[in-house]
Amino acid sequence: MKLRLSDEDMKMSKEKYADLTAAAGFAEEPKFIGLANYYVVILDEEKITLVQTDLGFNEKGTTIIPLTKVNSIKVSGTLIKKVVIDTHRKKYKLQFKAMAIPNRAEQKNIVEKLAVAV
């Protein structure tokens, strides 16, 4: 991963978009050409929040997906967890690299919670 997030960065994102009991993790949207889109993914009881960031962890945009609008969430992969969130209008394809960043426990936690969210 090109970006390193500390536990403090994750905590600030949770406080801004949800509460501290929410699960948060870092993912990227894979692209073959150009730079990937980087996201802080926050999952609480009602919604999934995708906060798009640049390489300096500056916020570029926010997408809120209510869990009632999600058709399915598919999780696959061993080291790189691929998560596909299928909504009524769009599919969000994300990759979580749990072994590549320092906050592995947070990464594993959000992938496990996403797998059973819907």
PDB file of N, CA and C in Angstrom:
ATOM      1  N   MET A   1       0.838  -1.166   0.000  1.00  0.00           N
ATOM      2  CA  MET A   1       0.000   0.000   0.000  1.00  0.00           C
ATOM      3  C   MET A   1       0.888   1.237   0.000  1.00  0.00           C
ATOM      4  N   LYS A   2       0.417   2.243  -0.622  1.00  0.00           N
ATOM      5  CA  LYS A   2       1.187   3.465  -0.727  1.00  0.00           C
ATOM      6  C   LYS A   2       0.950   4.395   0.446  1.00  0.00           C
ATOM      7  N   LEU A   3      -0.042   4.111   1.234  1.00  0.00           N
ATOM      8  CA  LEU A   3      -0.463   5.015   2.292  1.00  0.00           C
ATOM      9  C   LEU A   3      -0.457   4.277   3.616  1.00  0.00           C
ATOM     10  N   ARG A   4       0.053   4.910   4.644  1.00  0.00           N
ATOM     11  CA  ARG A   4       0.064   4.300   5.974  1.00  0.00           C
ATOM     12  C   ARG A   4      -0.880   5.072   6.872  1.00  0.00           C
ATOM     13  N   LEU A   5      -1.784   4.358   7.481  1.00  0.00           N
ATOM     14  CA  LEU A   5      -2.725   4.959   8.413  1.00  0.00           C
ATOM     15  C   LEU A   5      -2.427   4.449   9.804  1.00  0.00           C
ATOM     16  N   SER A   6      -2.426   5.352  10.740  1.00  0.00           N
ATOM     17  CA  SER A   6      -2.196   4.951  12.123  1.00  0.00           C
ATOM     18  C   SER A   6      -3.531   4.677  12.797  1.00  0.00           C
ATOM     19  N   ASP A   7      -3.465   4.134  13.999  1.00  0.00           N
ATOM     20  CA  ASP A   7      -4.681   3.901  14.774  1.00  0.00           C
ATOM     21  C   ASP A   7      -5.372   5.222  15.101  1.00  0.00           C
ATOM     22  N   GLU A   8      -4.586   6.270  15.277  1.00  0.00           N
ATOM     23  CA  GLU A   8      -5.160   7.587  15.569  1.00  0.00           C
ATOM     24  C   GLU A   8      -5.961   8.121  14.380  1.00  0.00           C
ATOM     25  N   ASP A   9      -5.473   7.888  13.155  1.00  0.00           N
ATOM     26  CA  ASP A   9      -6.219   8.306  11.965  1.00  0.00           C
ATOM     27  C   ASP A   9      -7.554   7.581  11.868  1.00  0.00           C
ATOM     28  N   MET A  10      -7.546   6.286  12.151  1.00  0.00           N
ATOM     29  CA  MET A  10      -8.788   5.505  12.121  1.00  0.00           C
ATOM     30  C   MET A  10      -9.756   5.995  13.194  1.00  0.00           C
ATOM     31  N   LYS A  11      -9.227   6.303  14.361  1.00  0.00           N
ATOM     32  CA  LYS A  11     -10.078   6.774  15.456  1.00  0.00           C
ATOM     33  C   LYS A  11     -10.726   8.111  15.097  1.00  0.00           C
ATOM     34  N   MET A  12      -9.965   9.013  14.467  1.00  0.00           N
ATOM     35  CA  MET A  12     -10.522  10.300  14.051  1.00  0.00           C
ATOM     36  C   MET A  12     -11.624  10.117  13.013  1.00  0.00           C
ATOM     37  N   SER A  13     -11.438   9.190  12.090  1.00  0.00           N
ATOM     38  CA  SER A  13     -12.463   8.933  11.078  1.00  0.00           C
ATOM     39  C   SER A  13     -13.720   8.357  11.702  1.00  0.00           C
ATOM     40  N   LYS A  14     -13.555   7.452  12.665  1.00  0.00           N
ATOM     41  CA  LYS A  14     -14.720   6.888  13.349  1.00  0.00           C
ATOM     42  C   LYS A  14     -15.492   7.970  14.091  1.00  0.00           C
ATOM     43  N   GLU A  15     -14.777   8.857  14.765  1.00  0.00           N
ATOM     44  CA  GLU A  15     -15.437   9.931  15.513  1.00  0.00           C
ATOM     45  C   GLU A  15     -16.182  10.885  14.586  1.00  0.00           C
ATOM     46  N   LYS A  16     -15.641  11.119  13.405  1.00  0.00           N
ATOM     47  CA  LYS A  16     -16.254  12.072  12.484  1.00  0.00           C
ATOM     48  C   LYS A  16     -17.504  11.506  11.811  1.00  0.00           C
ATOM     49  N   TYR A  17     -17.483  10.234  11.422  1.00  0.00           N
ATOM     50  CA  TYR A  17     -18.563   9.669  10.614  1.00  0.00           C
ATOM     51  C   TYR A  17     -19.454   8.679  11.350  1.00  0.00           C
ATOM     52  N   ALA A  18     -19.061   8.219  12.508  1.00  0.00           N
ATOM     53  CA  ALA A  18     -19.861   7.253  13.268  1.00  0.00           C
ATOM     54  C   ALA A  18     -19.470   7.411  14.732  1.00  0.00           C
ATOM     55  N   ASP A  19     -19.569   6.328  15.483  1.00  0.00           N
ATOM     56  CA  ASP A  19     -19.097   6.358  16.863  1.00  0.00           C
ATOM     57  C   ASP A  19     -17.917   5.401  16.995  1.00  0.00           C
ATOM     58  N   LEU A  20     -17.329   5.354  18.156  1.00  0.00           N
ATOM     59  CA  LEU A  20     -16.123   4.545  18.338  1.00  0.00           C
ATOM     60  C   LEU A  20     -16.391   3.043  18.309  1.00  0.00           C
ATOM     61  N   THR A  21     -17.657   2.623  18.400  1.00  0.00           N
ATOM     62  CA  THR A  21     -17.957   1.195  18.329  1.00  0.00           C
ATOM     63  C   THR A  21     -18.024   0.698  16.891  1.00  0.00           C
ATOM     64  N   ALA A  22     -18.004   1.590  15.914  1.00  0.00           N
ATOM     65  CA  ALA A  22     -18.053   1.196  14.508  1.00  0.00           C
ATOM     66  C   ALA A  22     -16.729   0.554  14.100  1.00  0.00           C
ATOM     67  N   ALA A  23     -16.800  -0.275  13.067  1.00  0.00           N
ATOM     68  CA  ALA A  23     -15.594  -0.896  12.522  1.00  0.00           C
ATOM     69  C   ALA A  23     -15.058  -0.010  11.402  1.00  0.00           C
ATOM     70  N   ALA A  24     -13.748   0.139  11.339  1.00  0.00           N
ATOM     71  CA  ALA A  24     -13.133   0.969  10.304  1.00  0.00           C
ATOM     72  C   ALA A  24     -11.926   0.248   9.732  1.00  0.00           C
ATOM     73  N   GLY A  25     -11.660   0.496   8.472  1.00  0.00           N
ATOM     74  CA  GLY A  25     -10.517  -0.108   7.812  1.00  0.00           C
ATOM     75  C   GLY A  25     -10.126   0.706   6.594  1.00  0.00           C
ATOM     76  N   PHE A  26      -9.019   0.323   5.980  1.00  0.00           N
ATOM     77  CA  PHE A  26      -8.503   1.025   4.817  1.00  0.00           C
ATOM     78  C   PHE A  26      -8.565   0.096   3.622  1.00  0.00           C
ATOM     79  N   ALA A  27      -9.089   0.595   2.511  1.00  0.00           N
ATOM     80  CA  ALA A  27      -9.216  -0.221   1.306  1.00  0.00           C
ATOM     81  C   ALA A  27      -8.841   0.614   0.094  1.00  0.00           C
ATOM     82  N   GLU A  28      -8.596  -0.084  -0.994  1.00  0.00           N
ATOM     83  CA  GLU A  28      -8.363   0.608  -2.252  1.00  0.00           C
ATOM     84  C   GLU A  28      -9.236  -0.016  -3.325  1.00  0.00           C
ATOM     85  N   GLU A  29      -9.608   0.803  -4.295  1.00  0.00           N
ATOM     86  CA  GLU A  29     -10.385   0.328  -5.427  1.00  0.00           C
ATOM     87  C   GLU A  29      -9.388   0.005  -6.529  1.00  0.00           C
ATOM     88  N   PRO A  30      -9.271  -1.255  -6.917  1.00  0.00           N
ATOM     89  CA  PRO A  30      -8.232  -1.632  -7.877  1.00  0.00           C
ATOM     90  C   PRO A  30      -8.501  -1.060  -9.266  1.00  0.00           C
ATOM     91  N   LYS A  31      -7.435  -0.588  -9.894  1.00  0.00           N
ATOM     92  CA  LYS A  31      -7.501  -0.095 -11.267  1.00  0.00           C
ATOM     93  C   LYS A  31      -6.283  -0.609 -12.011  1.00  0.00           C
ATOM     94  N   PHE A  32      -6.466  -0.911 -13.286  1.00  0.00           N
ATOM     95  CA  PHE A  32      -5.344  -1.362 -14.096  1.00  0.00           C
ATOM     96  C   PHE A  32      -4.541  -0.184 -14.646  1.00  0.00           C
ATOM     97  N   ILE A  33      -5.229   0.902 -14.950  1.00  0.00           N
ATOM     98  CA  ILE A  33      -4.567   2.080 -15.502  1.00  0.00           C
ATOM     99  C   ILE A  33      -4.804   3.249 -14.558  1.00  0.00           C
ATOM    100  N   GLY A  34      -3.763   3.967 -14.224  1.00  0.00           N
ATOM    101  CA  GLY A  34      -3.899   5.124 -13.351  1.00  0.00           C
ATOM    102  C   GLY A  34      -3.784   4.749 -11.885  1.00  0.00           C
ATOM    103  N   LEU A  35      -3.952   5.748 -11.046  1.00  0.00           N
ATOM    104  CA  LEU A  35      -3.869   5.537  -9.604  1.00  0.00           C
ATOM    105  C   LEU A  35      -5.161   4.942  -9.068  1.00  0.00           C
ATOM    106  N   ALA A  36      -5.018   4.100  -8.096  1.00  0.00           N
ATOM    107  CA  ALA A  36      -6.192   3.522  -7.442  1.00  0.00           C
ATOM    108  C   ALA A  36      -6.860   4.576  -6.570  1.00  0.00           C
ATOM    109  N   ASN A  37      -8.139   4.373  -6.300  1.00  0.00           N
ATOM    110  CA  ASN A  37      -8.850   5.220  -5.347  1.00  0.00           C
ATOM    111  C   ASN A  37      -8.697   4.603  -3.969  1.00  0.00           C
ATOM    112  N   TYR A  38      -8.366   5.416  -2.981  1.00  0.00           N
ATOM    113  CA  TYR A  38      -8.169   4.941  -1.619  1.00  0.00           C
ATOM    114  C   TYR A  38      -9.351   5.359  -0.756  1.00  0.00           C
ATOM    115  N   TYR A  39      -9.787   4.453   0.116  1.00  0.00           N
ATOM    116  CA  TYR A  39     -10.959   4.698   0.944  1.00  0.00           C
ATOM    117  C   TYR A  39     -10.696   4.307   2.392  1.00  0.00           C
ATOM    118  N   VAL A  40     -11.260   5.087   3.302  1.00  0.00           N
ATOM    119  CA  VAL A  40     -11.432   4.651   4.678  1.00  0.00           C
ATOM    120  C   VAL A  40     -12.870   4.163   4.736  1.00  0.00           C
ATOM    121  N   VAL A  41     -13.057   2.894   5.095  1.00  0.00           N
ATOM    122  CA  VAL A  41     -14.378   2.273   5.114  1.00  0.00           C
ATOM    123  C   VAL A  41     -14.824   2.167   6.565  1.00  0.00           C
ATOM    124  N   ILE A  42     -16.000   2.725   6.861  1.00  0.00           N
ATOM    125  CA  ILE A  42     -16.538   2.711   8.221  1.00  0.00           C
ATOM    126  C   ILE A  42     -17.891   2.014   8.183  1.00  0.00           C
ATOM    127  N   LEU A  43     -18.045   0.986   8.990  1.00  0.00           N
ATOM    128  CA  LEU A  43     -19.283   0.213   9.051  1.00  0.00           C
ATOM    129  C   LEU A  43     -19.880   0.347  10.439  1.00  0.00           C
ATOM    130  N   ASP A  44     -21.116   0.846  10.500  1.00  0.00           N
ATOM    131  CA  ASP A  44     -21.837   0.857  11.769  1.00  0.00           C
ATOM    132  C   ASP A  44     -23.137   0.069  11.589  1.00  0.00           C
ATOM    133  N   GLU A  45     -24.070   0.198  12.497  1.00  0.00           N
ATOM    134  CA  GLU A  45     -25.282  -0.621  12.469  1.00  0.00           C
ATOM    135  C   GLU A  45     -26.222  -0.268  11.328  1.00  0.00           C
ATOM    136  N   GLU A  46     -26.136   0.942  10.784  1.00  0.00           N
ATOM    137  CA  GLU A  46     -27.094   1.409   9.789  1.00  0.00           C
ATOM    138  C   GLU A  46     -26.525   1.620   8.401  1.00  0.00           C
ATOM    139  N   LYS A  47     -25.217   1.858   8.285  1.00  0.00           N
ATOM    140  CA  LYS A  47     -24.679   2.265   6.992  1.00  0.00           C
ATOM    141  C   LYS A  47     -23.207   1.887   6.837  1.00  0.00           C
ATOM    142  N   ILE A  48     -22.776   1.939   5.585  1.00  0.00           N
ATOM    143  CA  ILE A  48     -21.363   1.821   5.232  1.00  0.00           C
ATOM    144  C   ILE A  48     -20.949   3.187   4.695  1.00  0.00           C
ATOM    145  N   THR A  49     -19.906   3.752   5.253  1.00  0.00           N
ATOM    146  CA  THR A  49     -19.412   5.053   4.812  1.00  0.00           C
ATOM    147  C   THR A  49     -18.069   4.849   4.121  1.00  0.00           C
ATOM    148  N   LEU A  50     -17.965   5.311   2.879  1.00  0.00           N
ATOM    149  CA  LEU A  50     -16.719   5.258   2.126  1.00  0.00           C
ATOM    150  C   LEU A  50     -16.173   6.678   2.027  1.00  0.00           C
ATOM    151  N   VAL A  51     -15.047   6.921   2.665  1.00  0.00           N
ATOM    152  CA  VAL A  51     -14.411   8.237   2.639  1.00  0.00           C
ATOM    153  C   VAL A  51     -13.220   8.139   1.695  1.00  0.00           C
ATOM    154  N   GLN A  52     -13.335   8.767   0.523  1.00  0.00           N
ATOM    155  CA  GLN A  52     -12.259   8.711  -0.451  1.00  0.00           C
ATOM    156  C   GLN A  52     -11.159   9.672  -0.037  1.00  0.00           C
ATOM    157  N   THR A  53      -9.917   9.191  -0.075  1.00  0.00           N
ATOM    158  CA  THR A  53      -8.767   9.999   0.320  1.00  0.00           C
ATOM    159  C   THR A  53      -7.715   9.982  -0.776  1.00  0.00           C
ATOM    160  N   ASP A  54      -6.787  10.920  -0.697  1.00  0.00           N
ATOM    161  CA  ASP A  54      -5.637  10.892  -1.579  1.00  0.00           C
ATOM    162  C   ASP A  54      -4.458  10.280  -0.821  1.00  0.00           C
ATOM    163  N   LEU A  55      -3.281  10.321  -1.414  1.00  0.00           N
ATOM    164  CA  LEU A  55      -2.124   9.679  -0.788  1.00  0.00           C
ATOM    165  C   LEU A  55      -1.683  10.358   0.500  1.00  0.00           C
ATOM    166  N   GLY A  56      -2.061  11.595   0.701  1.00  0.00           N
ATOM    167  CA  GLY A  56      -1.708  12.306   1.927  1.00  0.00           C
ATOM    168  C   GLY A  56      -2.775  12.224   2.997  1.00  0.00           C
ATOM    169  N   PHE A  57      -3.748  11.336   2.833  1.00  0.00           N
ATOM    170  CA  PHE A  57      -4.875  11.155   3.745  1.00  0.00           C
ATOM    171  C   PHE A  57      -5.720  12.420   3.848  1.00  0.00           C
ATOM    172  N   ASN A  58      -5.818  13.160   2.759  1.00  0.00           N
ATOM    173  CA  ASN A  58      -6.719  14.305   2.690  1.00  0.00           C
ATOM    174  C   ASN A  58      -8.035  13.833   2.086  1.00  0.00           C
ATOM    175  N   GLU A  59      -9.128  14.197   2.715  1.00  0.00           N
ATOM    176  CA  GLU A  59     -10.442  13.734   2.283  1.00  0.00           C
ATOM    177  C   GLU A  59     -10.828  14.365   0.947  1.00  0.00           C
ATOM    178  N   LYS A  60     -11.269  13.516  -0.002  1.00  0.00           N
ATOM    179  CA  LYS A  60     -11.691  14.000  -1.312  1.00  0.00           C
ATOM    180  C   LYS A  60     -13.199  13.920  -1.495  1.00  0.00           C
ATOM    181  N   GLY A  61     -13.840  12.969  -0.860  1.00  0.00           N
ATOM    182  CA  GLY A  61     -15.281  12.808  -1.014  1.00  0.00           C
ATOM    183  C   GLY A  61     -15.801  11.726  -0.093  1.00  0.00           C
ATOM    184  N   THR A  62     -17.117  11.709   0.085  1.00  0.00           N
ATOM    185  CA  THR A  62     -17.738  10.744   0.983  1.00  0.00           C
ATOM    186  C   THR A  62     -18.952  10.126   0.306  1.00  0.00           C
ATOM    187  N   THR A  63     -19.083   8.811   0.423  1.00  0.00           N
ATOM    188  CA  THR A  63     -20.253   8.091  -0.062  1.00  0.00           C
ATOM    189  C   THR A  63     -20.845   7.332   1.108  1.00  0.00           C
ATOM    190  N   ILE A  64     -22.138   7.526   1.338  1.00  0.00           N
ATOM    191  CA  ILE A  64     -22.829   6.813   2.411  1.00  0.00           C
ATOM    192  C   ILE A  64     -23.789   5.822   1.776  1.00  0.00           C
ATOM    193  N   ILE A  65     -23.659   4.548   2.147  1.00  0.00           N
ATOM    194  CA  ILE A  65     -24.502   3.485   1.617  1.00  0.00           C
ATOM    195  C   ILE A  65     -25.317   2.913   2.768  1.00  0.00           C
ATOM    196  N   PRO A  66     -26.629   3.171   2.815  1.00  0.00           N
ATOM    197  CA  PRO A  66     -27.451   2.551   3.860  1.00  0.00           C
ATOM    198  C   PRO A  66     -27.499   1.033   3.666  1.00  0.00           C
ATOM    199  N   LEU A  67     -27.451   0.291   4.747  1.00  0.00           N
ATOM    200  CA  LEU A  67     -27.473  -1.170   4.637  1.00  0.00           C
ATOM    201  C   LEU A  67     -28.780  -1.676   4.033  1.00  0.00           C
ATOM    202  N   THR A  68     -29.847  -0.889   4.111  1.00  0.00           N
ATOM    203  CA  THR A  68     -31.113  -1.301   3.505  1.00  0.00           C
ATOM    204  C   THR A  68     -31.056  -1.265   1.984  1.00  0.00           C
ATOM    205  N   LYS A  69     -30.116  -0.521   1.406  1.00  0.00           N
ATOM    206  CA  LYS A  69     -29.974  -0.418  -0.050  1.00  0.00           C
ATOM    207  C   LYS A  69     -28.970  -1.422  -0.617  1.00  0.00           C
ATOM    208  N   VAL A  70     -28.338  -2.211   0.240  1.00  0.00           N
ATOM    209  CA  VAL A  70     -27.326  -3.171  -0.197  1.00  0.00           C
ATOM    210  C   VAL A  70     -28.002  -4.497  -0.523  1.00  0.00           C
ATOM    211  N   ASN A  71     -27.781  -4.981  -1.751  1.00  0.00           N
ATOM    212  CA  ASN A  71     -28.317  -6.282  -2.150  1.00  0.00           C
ATOM    213  C   ASN A  71     -27.483  -7.420  -1.585  1.00  0.00           C
ATOM    214  N   SER A  72     -26.158  -7.315  -1.744  1.00  0.00           N
ATOM    215  CA  SER A  72     -25.276  -8.373  -1.248  1.00  0.00           C
ATOM    216  C   SER A  72     -23.875  -7.820  -1.041  1.00  0.00           C
ATOM    217  N   ILE A  73     -23.126  -8.525  -0.197  1.00  0.00           N
ATOM    218  CA  ILE A  73     -21.710  -8.229   0.022  1.00  0.00           C
ATOM    219  C   ILE A  73     -20.965  -9.547  -0.104  1.00  0.00           C
ATOM    220  N   LYS A  74     -20.016  -9.603  -1.041  1.00  0.00           N
ATOM    221  CA  LYS A  74     -19.231 -10.817  -1.263  1.00  0.00           C
ATOM    222  C   LYS A  74     -17.792 -10.560  -0.843  1.00  0.00           C
ATOM    223  N   VAL A  75     -17.249 -11.474  -0.067  1.00  0.00           N
ATOM    224  CA  VAL A  75     -15.865 -11.381   0.399  1.00  0.00           C
ATOM    225  C   VAL A  75     -15.121 -12.598  -0.119  1.00  0.00           C
ATOM    226  N   SER A  76     -13.947 -12.385  -0.732  1.00  0.00           N
ATOM    227  CA  SER A  76     -13.141 -13.493  -1.231  1.00  0.00           C
ATOM    228  C   SER A  76     -11.670 -13.137  -1.083  1.00  0.00           C
ATOM    229  N   GLY A  77     -10.819 -14.130  -1.278  1.00  0.00           N
ATOM    230  CA  GLY A  77      -9.384 -13.912  -1.215  1.00  0.00           C
ATOM    231  C   GLY A  77      -8.778 -14.389   0.084  1.00  0.00           C
ATOM    232  N   THR A  78      -7.469 -14.644   0.039  1.00  0.00           N
ATOM    233  CA  THR A  78      -6.775 -15.120   1.232  1.00  0.00           C
ATOM    234  C   THR A  78      -5.953 -14.007   1.873  1.00  0.00           C
ATOM    235  N   LEU A  79      -4.937 -13.515   1.195  1.00  0.00           N
ATOM    236  CA  LEU A  79      -4.124 -12.433   1.751  1.00  0.00           C
ATOM    237  C   LEU A  79      -4.716 -11.067   1.438  1.00  0.00           C
ATOM    238  N   ILE A  80      -5.118 -10.875   0.206  1.00  0.00           N
ATOM    239  CA  ILE A  80      -5.795  -9.642  -0.190  1.00  0.00           C
ATOM    240  C   ILE A  80      -7.278  -9.959  -0.245  1.00  0.00           C
ATOM    241  N   LYS A  81      -8.029  -9.384   0.669  1.00  0.00           N
ATOM    242  CA  LYS A  81      -9.467  -9.638   0.740  1.00  0.00           C
ATOM    243  C   LYS A  81     -10.176  -8.725  -0.255  1.00  0.00           C
ATOM    244  N   LYS A  82     -10.897  -9.325  -1.180  1.00  0.00           N
ATOM    245  CA  LYS A  82     -11.672  -8.565  -2.154  1.00  0.00           C
ATOM    246  C   LYS A  82     -13.118  -8.531  -1.689  1.00  0.00           C
ATOM    247  N   VAL A  83     -13.662  -7.333  -1.584  1.00  0.00           N
ATOM    248  CA  VAL A  83     -15.031  -7.134  -1.121  1.00  0.00           C
ATOM    249  C   VAL A  83     -15.806  -6.439  -2.234  1.00  0.00           C
ATOM    250  N   VAL A  84     -16.940  -7.034  -2.618  1.00  0.00           N
ATOM    251  CA  VAL A  84     -17.819  -6.441  -3.619  1.00  0.00           C
ATOM    252  C   VAL A  84     -19.129  -6.104  -2.929  1.00  0.00           C
ATOM    253  N   ILE A  85     -19.453  -4.821  -2.882  1.00  0.00           N
ATOM    254  CA  ILE A  85     -20.704  -4.348  -2.290  1.00  0.00           C
ATOM    255  C   ILE A  85     -21.646  -4.032  -3.441  1.00  0.00           C
ATOM    256  N   ASP A  86     -22.711  -4.816  -3.564  1.00  0.00           N
ATOM    257  CA  ASP A  86     -23.667  -4.663  -4.654  1.00  0.00           C
ATOM    258  C   ASP A  86     -24.898  -3.926  -4.139  1.00  0.00           C
ATOM    259  N   THR A  87     -25.127  -2.720  -4.661  1.00  0.00           N
ATOM    260  CA  THR A  87     -26.303  -1.938  -4.278  1.00  0.00           C
ATOM    261  C   THR A  87     -27.275  -1.912  -5.449  1.00  0.00           C
ATOM    262  N   HIS A  88     -28.362  -1.197  -5.278  1.00  0.00           N
ATOM    263  CA  HIS A  88     -29.360  -1.099  -6.339  1.00  0.00           C
ATOM    264  C   HIS A  88     -28.811  -0.379  -7.566  1.00  0.00           C
ATOM    265  N   ARG A  89     -27.896   0.546  -7.373  1.00  0.00           N
ATOM    266  CA  ARG A  89     -27.407   1.378  -8.472  1.00  0.00           C
ATOM    267  C   ARG A  89     -25.974   1.091  -8.918  1.00  0.00           C
ATOM    268  N   LYS A  90     -25.135   0.588  -8.026  1.00  0.00           N
ATOM    269  CA  LYS A  90     -23.714   0.493  -8.344  1.00  0.00           C
ATOM    270  C   LYS A  90     -23.070  -0.660  -7.592  1.00  0.00           C
ATOM    271  N   LYS A  91     -21.962  -1.159  -8.159  1.00  0.00           N
ATOM    272  CA  LYS A  91     -21.128  -2.141  -7.464  1.00  0.00           C
ATOM    273  C   LYS A  91     -19.845  -1.444  -7.033  1.00  0.00           C
ATOM    274  N   TYR A  92     -19.505  -1.611  -5.774  1.00  0.00           N
ATOM    275  CA  TYR A  92     -18.263  -1.070  -5.230  1.00  0.00           C
ATOM    276  C   TYR A  92     -17.305  -2.238  -5.034  1.00  0.00           C
ATOM    277  N   LYS A  93     -16.152  -2.185  -5.698  1.00  0.00           N
ATOM    278  CA  LYS A  93     -15.146  -3.235  -5.577  1.00  0.00           C
ATOM    279  C   LYS A  93     -13.966  -2.677  -4.794  1.00  0.00           C
ATOM    280  N   LEU A  94     -13.674  -3.315  -3.666  1.00  0.00           N
ATOM    281  CA  LEU A  94     -12.622  -2.843  -2.776  1.00  0.00           C
ATOM    282  C   LEU A  94     -11.663  -3.973  -2.446  1.00  0.00           C
ATOM    283  N   GLN A  95     -10.420  -3.613  -2.150  1.00  0.00           N
ATOM    284  CA  GLN A  95      -9.415  -4.572  -1.701  1.00  0.00           C
ATOM    285  C   GLN A  95      -8.903  -4.144  -0.336  1.00  0.00           C
ATOM    286  N   PHE A  96      -8.902  -5.085   0.592  1.00  0.00           N
ATOM    287  CA  PHE A  96      -8.349  -4.861   1.926  1.00  0.00           C
ATOM    288  C   PHE A  96      -7.069  -5.675   2.031  1.00  0.00           C
ATOM    289  N   LYS A  97      -5.955  -5.019   2.316  1.00  0.00           N
ATOM    290  CA  LYS A  97      -4.672  -5.703   2.461  1.00  0.00           C
ATOM    291  C   LYS A  97      -4.322  -5.747   3.940  1.00  0.00           C
ATOM    292  N   ALA A  98      -4.800  -6.770   4.592  1.00  0.00           N
ATOM    293  CA  ALA A  98      -4.671  -6.850   6.047  1.00  0.00           C
ATOM    294  C   ALA A  98      -3.233  -7.051   6.504  1.00  0.00           C
ATOM    295  N   MET A  99      -2.429  -7.703   5.722  1.00  0.00           N
ATOM    296  CA  MET A  99      -1.061  -7.996   6.145  1.00  0.00           C
ATOM    297  C   MET A  99      -0.080  -6.872   5.813  1.00  0.00           C
ATOM    298  N   ALA A 100      -0.493  -5.887   5.038  1.00  0.00           N
ATOM    299  CA  ALA A 100       0.449  -4.884   4.549  1.00  0.00           C
ATOM    300  C   ALA A 100       0.539  -3.636   5.412  1.00  0.00           C
ATOM    301  N   ILE A 101      -0.383  -3.456   6.334  1.00  0.00           N
ATOM    302  CA  ILE A 101      -0.369  -2.231   7.119  1.00  0.00           C
ATOM    303  C   ILE A 101      -0.319  -2.557   8.599  1.00  0.00           C
ATOM    304  N   PRO A 102       0.060  -1.590   9.434  1.00  0.00           N
ATOM    305  CA  PRO A 102       0.270  -1.880  10.850  1.00  0.00           C
ATOM    306  C   PRO A 102      -0.985  -2.259  11.622  1.00  0.00           C
ATOM    307  N   ASN A 103      -2.158  -1.748  11.254  1.00  0.00           N
ATOM    308  CA  ASN A 103      -3.366  -2.037  12.034  1.00  0.00           C
ATOM    309  C   ASN A 103      -4.116  -3.239  11.458  1.00  0.00           C
ATOM    310  N   ARG A 104      -3.491  -4.395  11.550  1.00  0.00           N
ATOM    311  CA  ARG A 104      -4.045  -5.635  10.991  1.00  0.00           C
ATOM    312  C   ARG A 104      -5.341  -6.046  11.662  1.00  0.00           C
ATOM    313  N   ALA A 105      -5.429  -5.871  12.961  1.00  0.00           N
ATOM    314  CA  ALA A 105      -6.625  -6.294  13.692  1.00  0.00           C
ATOM    315  C   ALA A 105      -7.848  -5.516  13.220  1.00  0.00           C
ATOM    316  N   GLU A 106      -7.695  -4.211  12.989  1.00  0.00           N
ATOM    317  CA  GLU A 106      -8.807  -3.397  12.481  1.00  0.00           C
ATOM    318  C   GLU A 106      -9.223  -3.873  11.095  1.00  0.00           C
ATOM    319  N   GLN A 107      -8.248  -4.175  10.244  1.00  0.00           N
ATOM    320  CA  GLN A 107      -8.551  -4.630   8.888  1.00  0.00           C
ATOM    321  C   GLN A 107      -9.324  -5.950   8.911  1.00  0.00           C
ATOM    322  N   LYS A 108      -8.857  -6.895   9.698  1.00  0.00           N
ATOM    323  CA  LYS A 108      -9.542  -8.185   9.788  1.00  0.00           C
ATOM    324  C   LYS A 108     -10.935  -8.024  10.375  1.00  0.00           C
ATOM    325  N   ASN A 109     -11.080  -7.141  11.349  1.00  0.00           N
ATOM    326  CA  ASN A 109     -12.364  -6.917  11.998  1.00  0.00           C
ATOM    327  C   ASN A 109     -13.399  -6.386  11.010  1.00  0.00           C
ATOM    328  N   ILE A 110     -13.033  -5.400  10.200  1.00  0.00           N
ATOM    329  CA  ILE A 110     -14.027  -4.841   9.282  1.00  0.00           C
ATOM    330  C   ILE A 110     -14.385  -5.822   8.172  1.00  0.00           C
ATOM    331  N   VAL A 111     -13.428  -6.609   7.707  1.00  0.00           N
ATOM    332  CA  VAL A 111     -13.740  -7.599   6.671  1.00  0.00           C
ATOM    333  C   VAL A 111     -14.700  -8.650   7.221  1.00  0.00           C
ATOM    334  N   GLU A 112     -14.464  -9.099   8.444  1.00  0.00           N
ATOM    335  CA  GLU A 112     -15.370 -10.073   9.062  1.00  0.00           C
ATOM    336  C   GLU A 112     -16.767  -9.490   9.256  1.00  0.00           C
ATOM    337  N   LYS A 113     -16.846  -8.238   9.669  1.00  0.00           N
ATOM    338  CA  LYS A 113     -18.157  -7.611   9.878  1.00  0.00           C
ATOM    339  C   LYS A 113     -18.873  -7.335   8.562  1.00  0.00           C
ATOM    340  N   LEU A 114     -18.125  -6.986   7.515  1.00  0.00           N
ATOM    341  CA  LEU A 114     -18.744  -6.785   6.212  1.00  0.00           C
ATOM    342  C   LEU A 114     -19.323  -8.087   5.663  1.00  0.00           C
ATOM    343  N   ALA A 115     -18.648  -9.201   5.945  1.00  0.00           N
ATOM    344  CA  ALA A 115     -19.112 -10.494   5.433  1.00  0.00           C
ATOM    345  C   ALA A 115     -20.474 -10.883   5.988  1.00  0.00           C
ATOM    346  N   VAL A 116     -20.801 -10.427   7.188  1.00  0.00           N
ATOM    347  CA  VAL A 116     -22.083 -10.797   7.806  1.00  0.00           C
ATOM    348  C   VAL A 116     -23.031  -9.605   7.953  1.00  0.00           C
ATOM    349  N   ALA A 117     -22.727  -8.480   7.318  1.00  0.00           N
ATOM    350  CA  ALA A 117     -23.532  -7.269   7.498  1.00  0.00           C
ATOM    351  C   ALA A 117     -24.910  -7.372   6.864  1.00  0.00           C
ATOM    352  N   VAL A 118     -25.028  -8.088   5.764  1.00  0.00           N
ATOM    353  CA  VAL A 118     -26.327  -8.168   5.069  1.00  0.00           C
ATOM    354  C   VAL A 118     -26.866  -9.581   5.138  1.00  0.00           C
TER     355      VAL A 118
END
